Amino acid sequence: MKTELVSAITAEVLRQLQEPPQADMVRIWEHDRPSPPLAQPDTREAEALPKPAHHASVADGKTILSDMLSSTPARIAVGRSGYRPKTDAWLQFRLDHAAAVDAVYSEVSRELLERLELFTVRTRVTDKETYILRPDLGRLLQEEDAALLRTRCRNRPQVQIIASDGLSAAAVESNLEDVYLAFRQSLAHLGLQSGTPFFIHRGRVAVMDQVGDLLEPEVVVYFIGERPGLVSAESLSAYLCYRPRKGTIEADRMVVSNIHAGGIPPVEAGAYLGTVVQRILLQQASGVHLTK
C-alpha cells in the first residue's frame, strides 16, 4: 500500500478512536466491555401458542442455510457423495492445507526486511523441524546475536518494535509492511518514541523477555506470524508487554490477533496499536493489569 494512503487511513483511525463512542456501538477491541444484563423472557404467551404441525418449509431451510454460509468461513454444508466429500470440497481442503504447510516452512524475503530496514538476529533454533519440536529454543537468542542487539540497538527506548516469522512467514509477507508503517506513524502522531527495530528469525513470543533484559524498553511490541489454519494462512499477531523481563508470566502480555485482509485490516491495526501503547505507558501495566 502507498505510504500516502497508509498515512491517511492511520490519521482517520486515530481521529475516530479519540471520539466518544456511540452508546450502541461496540468496537472490535472492546471485547472485555461488560455485557448488558439479559432480560428474562416471559414464556407464558409462547406456551399458549399451538405447536407447529410440520417442520420449516424447504424455502425456509434454504434461507437458513444461506444465512449460515454467509456468516462463517467454516466448511459447512459442503455435501458428500456416498461416504466421501465432493471432489470440489476435497480439492479445496487439500489446497488450503498445502497453503498452511507452505506458510510454516517458507521464509520471509530479504527484500521485505531491507525495505523496512530491519536487520536480522537468530534464535537457537537450527531448522524448522527443531522450531516446531523445541519451542524453548525459539525463546533464546544466539549469544553472538544477543551481543549484536546491545551494539546496534538504542538502549531503554519507550517502545521496542520486533518482528518474527513465527509459524507463518506468509503472514509477515502479506501484512507486516502495512501494519508496521501505520504503527510507526501512529506512535509519531501520539508523540511516542521507538527504538531500533529488528527481525528475529524463528522466534517465539517469549523471546521478548530476553530482549527486555538486553535493551530495557518500556514497552515491547512484537509482530509474529500466527499458526496457520485452513481458513487463513496469512494471519499476523501483535503481542505487547510492559517491561518484559525474565520471569514474565503470560498474564502480563496482551495480543491483537487476526491481522490480515479477512480480519482486522493491517493499517487499521497499526493505528490502533499506537493507542494501546499509549495506555500501557500511562498505566505502567499490560495484560490483565491494564484497565480502561
Protein backbone atom coordinates (compact mmCIF):
# COMPACT_ATOMS: atom_id res chain seq x y z
CA MET A 1 0.00 0.00 0.00
CA LYS A 2 1.24 3.50 -0.80
CA THR A 3 2.70 5.50 2.08
CA GLU A 4 0.30 8.40 1.48
CA LEU A 5 -2.72 6.10 1.75
CA VAL A 6 -1.33 4.47 4.91
CA SER A 7 -0.91 7.96 6.42
CA ALA A 8 -4.46 8.97 5.54
CA ILE A 9 -6.01 5.79 6.97
CA THR A 10 -3.88 5.99 10.12
CA ALA A 11 -4.92 9.60 10.75
CA GLU A 12 -8.61 8.76 10.23
CA VAL A 13 -8.48 5.75 12.59
CA LEU A 14 -6.78 7.83 15.29
CA ARG A 15 -9.38 10.57 14.83
CA GLN A 16 -12.25 8.11 15.28
CA LEU A 17 -10.58 6.49 18.29
CA GLN A 18 -10.41 9.88 20.02
CA GLU A 19 -14.14 10.49 19.55
CA PRO A 20 -16.50 9.20 22.27
CA PRO A 21 -18.17 6.00 21.03
CA GLN A 22 -21.90 5.98 20.43
CA ALA A 23 -23.93 4.19 23.05
CA ASP A 24 -24.99 1.40 20.71
CA MET A 25 -21.57 0.86 19.12
CA VAL A 26 -19.13 -1.79 20.33
CA ARG A 27 -15.68 -1.57 18.79
CA ILE A 28 -13.86 -4.75 17.91
CA TRP A 29 -11.27 -4.15 20.64
CA GLU A 30 -13.88 -3.63 23.38
CA HIS A 31 -14.38 -7.35 23.79
CA ASP A 32 -14.00 -7.05 27.57
CA ARG A 33 -16.76 -4.47 27.97
CA PRO A 34 -19.41 -5.86 30.38
CA SER A 35 -22.46 -7.20 28.58
CA PRO A 36 -25.85 -5.75 29.49
CA PRO A 37 -27.96 -7.98 31.74
CA LEU A 38 -30.21 -10.33 29.84
CA ALA A 39 -33.93 -9.86 30.35
CA GLN A 40 -35.80 -12.94 31.49
CA PRO A 41 -38.21 -13.99 28.74
CA ASP A 42 -41.90 -14.30 29.51
CA THR A 43 -42.76 -17.83 28.36
CA ARG A 44 -46.45 -17.74 29.25
CA GLU A 45 -47.54 -16.39 25.87
CA ALA A 46 -45.33 -18.82 23.98
CA GLU A 47 -46.71 -21.79 25.90
CA ALA A 48 -50.24 -20.81 24.89
CA LEU A 49 -49.43 -20.92 21.18
CA PRO A 50 -50.35 -24.04 19.20
CA LYS A 51 -47.50 -26.38 18.38
CA PRO A 52 -46.34 -26.33 14.72
CA ALA A 53 -47.89 -29.13 12.70
CA HIS A 54 -44.88 -29.55 10.41
CA HIS A 55 -41.23 -28.59 10.04
CA ALA A 56 -39.99 -25.47 8.24
CA SER A 57 -40.53 -25.45 4.51
CA VAL A 58 -37.78 -26.21 2.02
CA ALA A 59 -37.60 -22.49 1.15
CA ASP A 60 -37.12 -21.59 4.81
CA GLY A 61 -34.39 -24.21 5.09
CA LYS A 62 -32.54 -22.77 2.11
CA THR A 63 -32.72 -19.29 3.62
CA ILE A 64 -31.35 -20.53 6.94
CA LEU A 65 -28.54 -22.40 5.18
CA SER A 66 -27.69 -19.34 3.08
CA ASP A 67 -27.51 -17.20 6.23
CA MET A 68 -25.22 -19.75 7.90
CA LEU A 69 -22.89 -19.89 4.91
CA SER A 70 -22.64 -16.10 4.72
CA SER A 71 -21.85 -15.76 8.44
CA THR A 72 -18.84 -18.07 8.69
CA PRO A 73 -15.84 -19.20 6.62
CA ALA A 74 -16.12 -22.67 8.20
CA ARG A 75 -16.66 -25.70 5.96
CA ILE A 76 -20.35 -26.37 6.43
CA ALA A 77 -22.87 -27.87 4.03
CA VAL A 78 -20.16 -28.94 1.56
CA GLY A 79 -22.14 -32.04 0.63
CA ARG A 80 -20.93 -35.57 0.05
CA SER A 81 -21.02 -38.36 -2.45
CA GLY A 82 -21.74 -41.54 -0.54
CA TYR A 83 -19.33 -41.55 2.39
CA ARG A 84 -16.85 -39.19 0.70
CA PRO A 85 -16.76 -35.39 0.34
CA LYS A 86 -17.44 -34.00 -3.09
CA THR A 87 -14.45 -33.51 -5.36
CA ASP A 88 -14.52 -29.71 -5.29
CA ALA A 89 -14.69 -29.60 -1.48
CA TRP A 90 -11.89 -32.15 -1.14
CA LEU A 91 -9.61 -30.32 -3.57
CA GLN A 92 -10.24 -27.01 -1.78
CA PHE A 93 -9.38 -28.67 1.54
CA ARG A 94 -6.13 -30.03 0.08
CA LEU A 95 -5.28 -26.61 -1.34
CA ASP A 96 -5.86 -24.82 1.97
CA HIS A 97 -3.88 -27.46 3.85
CA ALA A 98 -0.96 -27.06 1.43
CA ALA A 99 -1.06 -23.27 1.91
CA ALA A 100 -0.87 -23.76 5.68
CA VAL A 101 2.14 -26.07 5.36
CA ASP A 102 3.87 -23.65 2.98
CA ALA A 103 3.28 -20.81 5.45
CA VAL A 104 5.14 -22.71 8.17
CA TYR A 105 8.09 -23.87 6.06
CA SER A 106 8.62 -20.81 3.85
CA GLU A 107 10.97 -17.92 4.66
CA VAL A 108 10.50 -14.15 4.82
CA SER A 109 12.09 -12.45 1.83
CA ARG A 110 15.24 -10.41 2.26
CA GLU A 111 13.70 -7.70 0.08
CA LEU A 112 10.92 -7.04 2.60
CA LEU A 113 13.32 -6.77 5.54
CA GLU A 114 15.61 -4.45 3.60
CA ARG A 115 12.67 -2.28 2.56
CA LEU A 116 11.63 -1.89 6.21
CA GLU A 117 15.26 -1.51 7.31
CA LEU A 118 15.10 -4.45 9.72
CA PHE A 119 18.34 -6.28 10.50
CA THR A 120 18.12 -9.95 11.49
CA VAL A 121 19.08 -11.83 14.64
CA ARG A 122 18.65 -15.56 15.20
CA THR A 123 17.34 -17.76 17.96
CA ARG A 124 18.95 -21.05 18.95
CA VAL A 125 16.72 -22.94 16.52
CA THR A 126 18.71 -24.55 13.70
CA ASP A 127 15.88 -25.64 11.37
CA LYS A 128 12.10 -25.64 11.04
CA GLU A 129 11.66 -29.13 12.46
CA THR A 130 13.53 -28.08 15.59
CA TYR A 131 11.45 -24.90 15.74
CA ILE A 132 8.25 -26.96 15.82
CA LEU A 133 9.53 -29.59 18.28
CA ARG A 134 11.54 -27.32 20.63
CA PRO A 135 9.64 -24.09 21.39
CA ASP A 136 12.09 -23.38 24.23
CA LEU A 137 14.94 -22.81 21.76
CA GLY A 138 12.88 -20.18 19.96
CA ARG A 139 12.72 -18.18 23.19
CA LEU A 140 16.50 -17.70 23.37
CA LEU A 141 18.80 -15.73 21.07
CA GLN A 142 22.17 -16.94 19.88
CA GLU A 143 24.87 -15.48 22.14
CA GLU A 144 26.51 -13.52 19.31
CA ASP A 145 23.12 -12.16 18.23
CA ALA A 146 22.29 -11.06 21.76
CA ALA A 147 25.59 -9.16 21.78
CA LEU A 148 24.67 -7.66 18.39
CA LEU A 149 21.49 -6.17 19.85
CA ARG A 150 23.48 -4.41 22.55
CA THR A 151 25.71 -2.76 19.96
CA ARG A 152 23.15 -1.92 17.24
CA CYS A 153 20.01 -1.01 19.21
CA ARG A 154 19.23 2.06 21.26
CA ASN A 155 19.06 1.23 24.96
CA ARG A 156 15.98 1.93 27.10
CA PRO A 157 13.59 3.12 24.37
CA GLN A 158 9.97 3.91 25.07
CA VAL A 159 8.81 1.35 22.51
CA GLN A 160 10.82 -1.54 21.06
CA ILE A 161 9.40 -2.95 17.81
CA ILE A 162 10.24 -6.55 16.87
CA ALA A 163 9.05 -8.76 14.01
CA SER A 164 9.38 -12.50 13.51
CA ASP A 165 8.24 -15.14 11.05
CA GLY A 166 6.91 -17.35 13.85
CA LEU A 167 4.69 -20.07 12.40
CA SER A 168 3.75 -18.17 9.24
CA ALA A 169 6.22 -16.38 7.01
CA ALA A 170 3.26 -15.77 4.67
CA ALA A 171 1.61 -13.63 7.36
CA VAL A 172 4.70 -11.43 7.57
CA GLU A 173 5.00 -11.14 3.80
CA SER A 174 1.34 -10.18 3.38
CA ASN A 175 0.75 -7.86 6.34
CA LEU A 176 3.89 -6.64 8.08
CA GLU A 177 4.68 -3.69 5.83
CA ASP A 178 1.28 -2.02 6.16
CA VAL A 179 0.82 -2.64 9.88
CA TYR A 180 4.42 -1.63 10.64
CA LEU A 181 4.26 1.65 8.71
CA ALA A 182 0.87 2.54 10.21
CA PHE A 183 2.13 1.72 13.70
CA ARG A 184 5.23 3.89 13.32
CA GLN A 185 3.05 6.78 12.11
CA SER A 186 0.62 6.23 14.99
CA LEU A 187 3.46 6.42 17.52
CA ALA A 188 4.78 9.62 15.92
CA HIS A 189 1.30 11.18 15.94
CA LEU A 190 0.95 10.38 19.66
CA GLY A 191 4.41 11.74 20.48
CA LEU A 192 5.90 8.34 21.40
CA GLN A 193 9.45 7.31 20.52
CA SER A 194 10.58 3.90 19.32
CA GLY A 195 13.96 2.21 19.44
CA THR A 196 15.86 0.35 16.73
CA PRO A 197 13.53 -2.21 15.12
CA PHE A 198 14.78 -5.65 14.08
CA PHE A 199 13.67 -9.07 12.85
CA ILE A 200 14.06 -12.34 14.79
CA HIS A 201 14.45 -15.43 12.64
CA ARG A 202 12.40 -18.32 14.03
CA GLY A 203 11.37 -16.55 17.19
CA ARG A 204 8.76 -17.47 19.78
CA VAL A 205 6.66 -14.94 21.69
CA ALA A 206 8.56 -15.22 24.98
CA VAL A 207 11.87 -14.22 23.33
CA MET A 208 10.66 -10.68 24.07
CA ASP A 209 11.66 -11.35 27.69
CA GLN A 210 15.32 -11.71 26.74
CA VAL A 211 15.06 -8.62 24.55
CA GLY A 212 13.64 -6.80 27.57
CA ASP A 213 16.62 -7.84 29.68
CA LEU A 214 19.07 -6.72 26.99
CA LEU A 215 17.56 -3.37 25.93
CA GLU A 216 15.28 -2.47 28.88
CA PRO A 217 12.45 -0.91 26.86
CA GLU A 218 9.28 0.42 28.47
CA VAL A 219 7.05 -1.49 26.04
CA VAL A 220 7.77 -4.27 23.55
CA VAL A 221 5.51 -4.67 20.50
CA TYR A 222 6.19 -7.96 18.75
CA PHE A 223 4.69 -8.76 15.33
CA ILE A 224 4.71 -12.51 14.65
CA GLY A 225 3.07 -14.92 12.22
CA GLU A 226 0.23 -16.93 13.74
CA ARG A 227 -0.20 -20.67 13.47
CA PRO A 228 -1.88 -21.11 10.06
CA GLY A 229 -5.25 -22.76 9.72
CA LEU A 230 -7.47 -23.94 6.91
CA VAL A 231 -9.31 -20.60 6.74
CA SER A 232 -6.26 -18.31 6.67
CA ALA A 233 -2.53 -18.99 6.48
CA GLU A 234 -1.67 -15.27 6.50
CA SER A 235 -2.80 -14.10 9.93
CA LEU A 236 -0.43 -11.86 11.92
CA SER A 237 -0.46 -11.11 15.66
CA ALA A 238 0.94 -8.21 17.67
CA TYR A 239 1.99 -9.07 21.22
CA LEU A 240 2.50 -6.23 23.70
CA CYS A 241 4.08 -6.23 27.14
CA TYR A 242 5.11 -3.58 29.66
CA ARG A 243 8.76 -4.03 30.68
CA PRO A 244 9.10 -7.73 29.81
CA ARG A 245 11.91 -9.44 31.68
CA LYS A 246 12.98 -12.97 32.53
CA GLY A 247 10.16 -14.50 34.56
CA THR A 248 7.35 -12.51 32.91
CA ILE A 249 4.13 -14.53 33.03
CA GLU A 250 1.66 -14.84 30.17
CA ALA A 251 -0.99 -12.87 32.05
CA ASP A 252 1.25 -9.79 31.68
CA ARG A 253 1.18 -10.00 27.89
CA MET A 254 -1.63 -8.92 25.60
CA VAL A 255 -2.28 -9.56 21.93
CA VAL A 256 -4.10 -8.09 18.97
CA SER A 257 -4.54 -11.07 16.66
CA ASN A 258 -6.18 -11.91 13.35
CA ILE A 259 -4.44 -9.10 11.47
CA HIS A 260 -4.97 -9.80 7.76
CA ALA A 261 -7.18 -8.85 4.85
CA GLY A 262 -10.07 -11.04 6.05
CA GLY A 263 -9.74 -9.99 9.70
CA ILE A 264 -8.50 -6.71 11.18
CA PRO A 265 -7.11 -4.65 8.27
CA PRO A 266 -3.33 -4.19 8.81
CA VAL A 267 -3.34 -0.38 8.52
CA GLU A 268 -6.21 -0.01 10.99
CA ALA A 269 -4.50 -2.45 13.37
CA GLY A 270 -1.26 -0.45 13.24
CA ALA A 271 -3.06 2.80 14.01
CA TYR A 272 -4.96 1.23 16.91
CA LEU A 273 -1.83 -0.34 18.41
CA GLY A 274 -0.36 3.10 18.98
CA THR A 275 -3.28 3.96 21.28
CA VAL A 276 -2.81 0.69 23.18
CA VAL A 277 0.86 1.51 23.75
CA GLN A 278 -0.19 4.96 24.98
CA ARG A 279 -2.49 3.36 27.57
CA ILE A 280 0.21 0.90 28.65
CA LEU A 281 2.70 3.71 29.24
CA LEU A 282 0.12 5.82 31.07
CA GLN A 283 -0.89 2.99 33.42
CA GLN A 284 2.55 1.33 33.52
CA ALA A 285 0.86 -2.04 33.11
CA SER A 286 -0.19 -4.56 30.47
CA GLY A 287 -2.14 -7.77 30.22
CA VAL A 288 -4.73 -8.42 32.95
CA HIS A 289 -3.47 -5.40 34.91
CA LEU A 290 -4.38 -2.91 32.18
CA THR A 291 -7.69 -1.16 32.82
CA LYS A 292 -9.90 1.05 30.68
